[in-house]
Amino acid sequence: MRVRVRGQRAVTLTKADFKASGGEGSVYVQGATAYKIFADPSRVTSEAKIEELSTLAIPNVVRPREVVVDMHDTPVGYTMQYVDDAFPLCKTFPPGFRNRVGLSPERVASLFRD
């Protein structure tokens, strides 16, 4: 799939770049950049929201950085920093996950405070 970071370069995302998918779309990774591409372009996070969130300066929060558009300049997703060997905070809620990865209740509380 060929996409472009708004106002910048074109990027080809391949099966080799595919990292994961979920209900909203798929994530592709090239180097230190992850590309979240929505399955339904009408559900893409608004450009204003991406711009607002991109200003967050919290080191342990992955945030949207740039708008990704298709070759017709229609927004289809956004870029973000790729973090290897990490998991979303919401995964720490179920006890089964915490037990599987060895997260103590104290560590989870610390993650929430941070």
N, C-alpha and C. Protein backbone atom coordinates (compact mmCIF):
# COMPACT_ATOMS: atom_id res chain seq x y z
N MET A 1 0.85 -1.16 0.00
CA MET A 1 0.00 0.00 0.00
C MET A 1 0.90 1.24 0.00
N ARG A 2 0.58 2.15 -0.87
CA ARG A 2 1.37 3.37 -0.97
C ARG A 2 0.60 4.50 -0.29
N VAL A 3 1.24 5.16 0.67
CA VAL A 3 0.65 6.28 1.39
C VAL A 3 1.69 7.40 1.47
N ARG A 4 1.27 8.52 2.01
CA ARG A 4 2.17 9.65 2.14
C ARG A 4 1.95 10.31 3.49
N VAL A 5 3.04 10.70 4.11
CA VAL A 5 2.93 11.52 5.31
C VAL A 5 2.60 12.92 4.81
N ARG A 6 1.52 13.51 5.28
CA ARG A 6 1.02 14.79 4.76
C ARG A 6 2.15 15.80 4.61
N GLY A 7 2.29 16.29 3.37
CA GLY A 7 3.29 17.31 3.08
C GLY A 7 4.71 16.79 2.99
N GLN A 8 4.88 15.47 3.02
CA GLN A 8 6.23 14.91 3.00
C GLN A 8 6.34 13.80 1.98
N ARG A 9 7.03 12.79 2.36
CA ARG A 9 7.42 11.70 1.48
C ARG A 9 6.32 10.65 1.30
N ALA A 10 6.42 9.92 0.19
CA ALA A 10 5.56 8.76 -0.03
C ALA A 10 6.24 7.55 0.60
N VAL A 11 5.43 6.64 1.11
CA VAL A 11 5.93 5.44 1.78
C VAL A 11 5.14 4.25 1.24
N THR A 12 5.83 3.15 1.00
CA THR A 12 5.16 1.91 0.63
C THR A 12 5.18 0.98 1.83
N LEU A 13 3.99 0.63 2.31
CA LEU A 13 3.85 -0.28 3.45
C LEU A 13 3.56 -1.67 2.89
N THR A 14 4.37 -2.64 3.27
CA THR A 14 4.26 -3.99 2.73
C THR A 14 3.85 -4.99 3.81
N LYS A 15 3.62 -6.22 3.41
CA LYS A 15 3.32 -7.29 4.37
C LYS A 15 4.46 -7.45 5.37
N ALA A 16 5.68 -7.23 4.92
CA ALA A 16 6.84 -7.35 5.82
C ALA A 16 6.82 -6.27 6.91
N ASP A 17 6.16 -5.14 6.65
CA ASP A 17 6.07 -4.05 7.62
C ASP A 17 4.91 -4.23 8.60
N PHE A 18 3.99 -5.15 8.29
CA PHE A 18 2.79 -5.35 9.11
C PHE A 18 3.17 -5.80 10.51
N LYS A 19 2.58 -5.14 11.53
CA LYS A 19 2.86 -5.48 12.93
C LYS A 19 1.64 -6.09 13.62
N ALA A 20 0.47 -5.46 13.47
CA ALA A 20 -0.72 -5.93 14.18
C ALA A 20 -1.97 -5.30 13.56
N SER A 21 -3.12 -5.88 13.89
CA SER A 21 -4.38 -5.28 13.47
C SER A 21 -5.40 -5.45 14.57
N GLY A 22 -6.42 -4.63 14.50
CA GLY A 22 -7.48 -4.68 15.49
C GLY A 22 -8.78 -4.23 14.83
N GLY A 23 -9.73 -3.82 15.63
CA GLY A 23 -11.04 -3.42 15.11
C GLY A 23 -11.01 -2.19 14.24
N GLU A 24 -10.10 -1.26 14.50
CA GLU A 24 -10.07 -0.01 13.74
C GLU A 24 -9.19 -0.07 12.50
N GLY A 25 -8.15 -0.88 12.52
CA GLY A 25 -7.25 -0.90 11.38
C GLY A 25 -6.00 -1.70 11.67
N SER A 26 -4.92 -1.33 10.99
CA SER A 26 -3.67 -2.07 11.09
C SER A 26 -2.51 -1.13 11.41
N VAL A 27 -1.46 -1.71 11.98
CA VAL A 27 -0.25 -0.96 12.29
C VAL A 27 0.90 -1.58 11.51
N TYR A 28 1.65 -0.72 10.82
CA TYR A 28 2.83 -1.11 10.06
C TYR A 28 4.02 -0.38 10.68
N VAL A 29 5.19 -1.00 10.59
CA VAL A 29 6.38 -0.40 11.19
C VAL A 29 7.52 -0.37 10.17
N GLN A 30 8.14 0.79 10.06
CA GLN A 30 9.37 0.96 9.29
C GLN A 30 10.33 1.74 10.17
N GLY A 31 11.40 1.08 10.58
CA GLY A 31 12.38 1.74 11.45
C GLY A 31 11.76 2.15 12.77
N ALA A 32 11.91 3.41 13.14
CA ALA A 32 11.39 3.91 14.41
C ALA A 32 9.99 4.51 14.27
N THR A 33 9.36 4.33 13.10
CA THR A 33 8.04 4.92 12.86
C THR A 33 7.00 3.83 12.67
N ALA A 34 5.89 3.98 13.39
CA ALA A 34 4.72 3.12 13.22
C ALA A 34 3.66 3.92 12.48
N TYR A 35 2.95 3.23 11.61
CA TYR A 35 1.88 3.84 10.82
C TYR A 35 0.58 3.15 11.16
N LYS A 36 -0.36 3.88 11.76
CA LYS A 36 -1.68 3.31 12.03
C LYS A 36 -2.56 3.68 10.84
N ILE A 37 -3.04 2.65 10.15
CA ILE A 37 -3.89 2.84 8.97
C ILE A 37 -5.27 2.30 9.29
N PHE A 38 -6.26 3.16 9.19
CA PHE A 38 -7.63 2.79 9.52
C PHE A 38 -8.27 1.98 8.40
N ALA A 39 -9.04 0.97 8.75
CA ALA A 39 -9.75 0.15 7.77
C ALA A 39 -10.83 0.97 7.07
N ASP A 40 -11.46 1.86 7.82
CA ASP A 40 -12.51 2.72 7.28
C ASP A 40 -12.03 4.17 7.39
N PRO A 41 -11.67 4.79 6.27
CA PRO A 41 -11.14 6.17 6.31
C PRO A 41 -12.08 7.17 6.98
N SER A 42 -13.38 6.88 7.03
CA SER A 42 -14.31 7.82 7.68
C SER A 42 -14.13 7.81 9.20
N ARG A 43 -13.40 6.83 9.74
CA ARG A 43 -13.19 6.73 11.19
C ARG A 43 -11.81 7.24 11.62
N VAL A 44 -11.05 7.80 10.69
CA VAL A 44 -9.71 8.31 11.01
C VAL A 44 -9.83 9.44 12.03
N THR A 45 -8.94 9.45 12.98
CA THR A 45 -8.87 10.54 13.96
C THR A 45 -8.74 11.85 13.22
N SER A 46 -9.46 12.87 13.64
CA SER A 46 -9.43 14.15 12.92
C SER A 46 -8.03 14.77 12.95
N GLU A 47 -7.74 15.54 11.92
CA GLU A 47 -6.43 16.19 11.85
C GLU A 47 -6.23 17.14 13.02
N ALA A 48 -7.28 17.81 13.46
CA ALA A 48 -7.18 18.71 14.60
C ALA A 48 -6.82 17.94 15.87
N LYS A 49 -7.42 16.77 16.05
CA LYS A 49 -7.13 15.94 17.23
C LYS A 49 -5.70 15.40 17.17
N ILE A 50 -5.25 14.97 15.99
CA ILE A 50 -3.88 14.50 15.84
C ILE A 50 -2.91 15.62 16.18
N GLU A 51 -3.18 16.82 15.68
CA GLU A 51 -2.32 17.96 15.98
C GLU A 51 -2.30 18.27 17.48
N GLU A 52 -3.47 18.22 18.11
CA GLU A 52 -3.57 18.48 19.55
C GLU A 52 -2.79 17.43 20.35
N LEU A 53 -3.00 16.16 20.04
CA LEU A 53 -2.33 15.08 20.76
C LEU A 53 -0.83 15.05 20.51
N SER A 54 -0.39 15.48 19.33
CA SER A 54 1.03 15.43 18.99
C SER A 54 1.87 16.35 19.88
N THR A 55 1.24 17.28 20.56
CA THR A 55 1.98 18.21 21.42
C THR A 55 2.23 17.65 22.82
N LEU A 56 1.64 16.51 23.16
CA LEU A 56 1.87 15.92 24.48
C LEU A 56 3.37 15.65 24.66
N ALA A 57 3.87 16.02 25.80
CA ALA A 57 5.31 15.84 26.05
C ALA A 57 5.55 14.91 27.23
N ILE A 58 4.83 13.82 27.27
CA ILE A 58 4.97 12.83 28.34
C ILE A 58 5.78 11.68 27.77
N PRO A 59 6.98 11.43 28.32
CA PRO A 59 7.88 10.47 27.69
C PRO A 59 7.35 9.04 27.56
N ASN A 60 6.48 8.59 28.43
CA ASN A 60 6.00 7.21 28.36
C ASN A 60 4.63 7.09 27.68
N VAL A 61 4.23 8.11 26.92
CA VAL A 61 2.98 8.08 26.18
C VAL A 61 3.30 8.16 24.68
N VAL A 62 2.86 7.14 23.94
CA VAL A 62 3.01 7.16 22.49
C VAL A 62 1.84 7.96 21.95
N ARG A 63 2.14 8.93 21.13
CA ARG A 63 1.10 9.84 20.64
C ARG A 63 1.15 9.93 19.12
N PRO A 64 0.05 10.31 18.49
CA PRO A 64 0.08 10.53 17.04
C PRO A 64 1.04 11.68 16.73
N ARG A 65 1.74 11.57 15.60
CA ARG A 65 2.67 12.64 15.22
C ARG A 65 2.26 13.35 13.94
N GLU A 66 2.01 12.58 12.89
CA GLU A 66 1.73 13.20 11.59
C GLU A 66 0.57 12.49 10.92
N VAL A 67 -0.16 13.21 10.09
CA VAL A 67 -1.29 12.66 9.35
C VAL A 67 -0.75 11.86 8.16
N VAL A 68 -1.32 10.68 7.96
CA VAL A 68 -0.99 9.85 6.80
C VAL A 68 -2.18 9.92 5.84
N VAL A 69 -1.88 10.17 4.56
CA VAL A 69 -2.92 10.27 3.54
C VAL A 69 -2.66 9.25 2.44
N ASP A 70 -3.73 8.91 1.69
CA ASP A 70 -3.54 8.04 0.54
C ASP A 70 -3.05 8.90 -0.62
N MET A 71 -2.92 8.31 -1.77
CA MET A 71 -2.37 9.04 -2.91
C MET A 71 -3.36 10.05 -3.49
N HIS A 72 -4.58 10.10 -2.95
CA HIS A 72 -5.57 11.10 -3.35
C HIS A 72 -5.71 12.18 -2.28
N ASP A 73 -4.79 12.18 -1.31
CA ASP A 73 -4.74 13.16 -0.22
C ASP A 73 -5.90 13.01 0.78
N THR A 74 -6.48 11.82 0.85
CA THR A 74 -7.53 11.52 1.84
C THR A 74 -6.86 10.96 3.08
N PRO A 75 -7.12 11.54 4.27
CA PRO A 75 -6.52 11.00 5.49
C PRO A 75 -6.93 9.54 5.71
N VAL A 76 -5.92 8.69 5.99
CA VAL A 76 -6.18 7.27 6.24
C VAL A 76 -5.56 6.80 7.55
N GLY A 77 -4.82 7.68 8.24
CA GLY A 77 -4.20 7.28 9.49
C GLY A 77 -3.24 8.32 10.02
N TYR A 78 -2.30 7.84 10.85
CA TYR A 78 -1.29 8.73 11.41
C TYR A 78 -0.03 7.95 11.74
N THR A 79 1.05 8.69 11.94
CA THR A 79 2.30 8.07 12.36
C THR A 79 2.44 8.23 13.87
N MET A 80 3.28 7.39 14.43
CA MET A 80 3.63 7.50 15.85
C MET A 80 4.99 6.84 16.04
N GLN A 81 5.60 7.09 17.16
CA GLN A 81 6.87 6.45 17.48
C GLN A 81 6.62 4.96 17.68
N TYR A 82 7.52 4.13 17.14
CA TYR A 82 7.41 2.70 17.37
C TYR A 82 8.19 2.34 18.63
N VAL A 83 7.56 1.63 19.52
CA VAL A 83 8.20 1.16 20.75
C VAL A 83 8.13 -0.36 20.75
N ASP A 84 9.29 -0.97 20.70
CA ASP A 84 9.36 -2.43 20.68
C ASP A 84 9.18 -2.97 22.10
N ASP A 85 8.61 -4.15 22.21
CA ASP A 85 8.47 -4.85 23.49
C ASP A 85 7.68 -4.02 24.51
N ALA A 86 6.55 -3.50 24.09
CA ALA A 86 5.69 -2.71 24.99
C ALA A 86 4.25 -3.20 24.82
N PHE A 87 3.38 -2.77 25.70
CA PHE A 87 1.98 -3.13 25.59
C PHE A 87 1.14 -1.94 26.04
N PRO A 88 -0.10 -1.84 25.54
CA PRO A 88 -0.98 -0.74 25.93
C PRO A 88 -1.36 -0.85 27.41
N LEU A 89 -1.49 0.27 28.05
CA LEU A 89 -1.82 0.31 29.47
C LEU A 89 -3.12 -0.45 29.78
N CYS A 90 -4.10 -0.40 28.87
CA CYS A 90 -5.38 -1.07 29.14
C CYS A 90 -5.23 -2.58 29.26
N LYS A 91 -4.14 -3.14 28.72
CA LYS A 91 -3.92 -4.58 28.86
C LYS A 91 -3.58 -4.96 30.30
N THR A 92 -3.19 -4.00 31.11
CA THR A 92 -2.83 -4.31 32.50
C THR A 92 -4.07 -4.50 33.38
N PHE A 93 -5.26 -4.22 32.88
CA PHE A 93 -6.47 -4.36 33.68
C PHE A 93 -6.79 -5.81 34.04
N PRO A 94 -6.82 -6.74 33.06
CA PRO A 94 -7.20 -8.11 33.40
C PRO A 94 -6.12 -8.83 34.22
N PRO A 95 -6.51 -9.48 35.31
CA PRO A 95 -5.54 -10.20 36.13
C PRO A 95 -4.78 -11.28 35.36
N GLY A 96 -5.44 -11.93 34.39
CA GLY A 96 -4.78 -12.97 33.61
C GLY A 96 -3.55 -12.45 32.88
N PHE A 97 -3.66 -11.27 32.29
CA PHE A 97 -2.52 -10.67 31.59
C PHE A 97 -1.41 -10.34 32.59
N ARG A 98 -1.80 -9.71 33.70
CA ARG A 98 -0.79 -9.34 34.71
C ARG A 98 -0.04 -10.58 35.20
N ASN A 99 -0.75 -11.66 35.43
CA ASN A 99 -0.12 -12.90 35.89
C ASN A 99 0.82 -13.48 34.83
N ARG A 100 0.37 -13.45 33.56
CA ARG A 100 1.17 -14.00 32.47
C ARG A 100 2.50 -13.28 32.30
N VAL A 101 2.49 -11.95 32.44
CA VAL A 101 3.72 -11.18 32.21
C VAL A 101 4.44 -10.82 33.50
N GLY A 102 3.87 -11.22 34.64
CA GLY A 102 4.55 -10.99 35.91
C GLY A 102 4.48 -9.55 36.41
N LEU A 103 3.35 -8.89 36.20
CA LEU A 103 3.16 -7.53 36.70
C LEU A 103 2.50 -7.58 38.07
N SER A 104 3.18 -7.07 39.06
CA SER A 104 2.62 -7.04 40.41
C SER A 104 1.60 -5.90 40.52
N PRO A 105 0.69 -5.97 41.47
CA PRO A 105 -0.25 -4.87 41.67
C PRO A 105 0.47 -3.55 41.96
N GLU A 106 1.60 -3.62 42.66
CA GLU A 106 2.36 -2.41 42.95
C GLU A 106 2.92 -1.78 41.67
N ARG A 107 3.40 -2.63 40.75
CA ARG A 107 3.95 -2.11 39.48
C ARG A 107 2.86 -1.49 38.63
N VAL A 108 1.69 -2.12 38.59
CA VAL A 108 0.56 -1.57 37.84
C VAL A 108 0.17 -0.21 38.42
N ALA A 109 0.09 -0.11 39.74
CA ALA A 109 -0.24 1.16 40.37
C ALA A 109 0.79 2.22 40.02
N SER A 110 2.04 1.83 39.99
CA SER A 110 3.11 2.77 39.63
C SER A 110 2.96 3.24 38.18
N LEU A 111 2.61 2.33 37.27
CA LEU A 111 2.40 2.71 35.88
C LEU A 111 1.29 3.73 35.75
N PHE A 112 0.21 3.54 36.50
CA PHE A 112 -0.92 4.47 36.44
C PHE A 112 -0.53 5.83 37.02
N ARG A 113 0.22 5.83 38.09
CA ARG A 113 0.65 7.11 38.66
C ARG A 113 1.55 7.89 37.70
N ASP A 114 2.46 7.15 37.04
CA ASP A 114 3.38 7.79 36.09
C ASP A 114 2.64 8.33 34.88
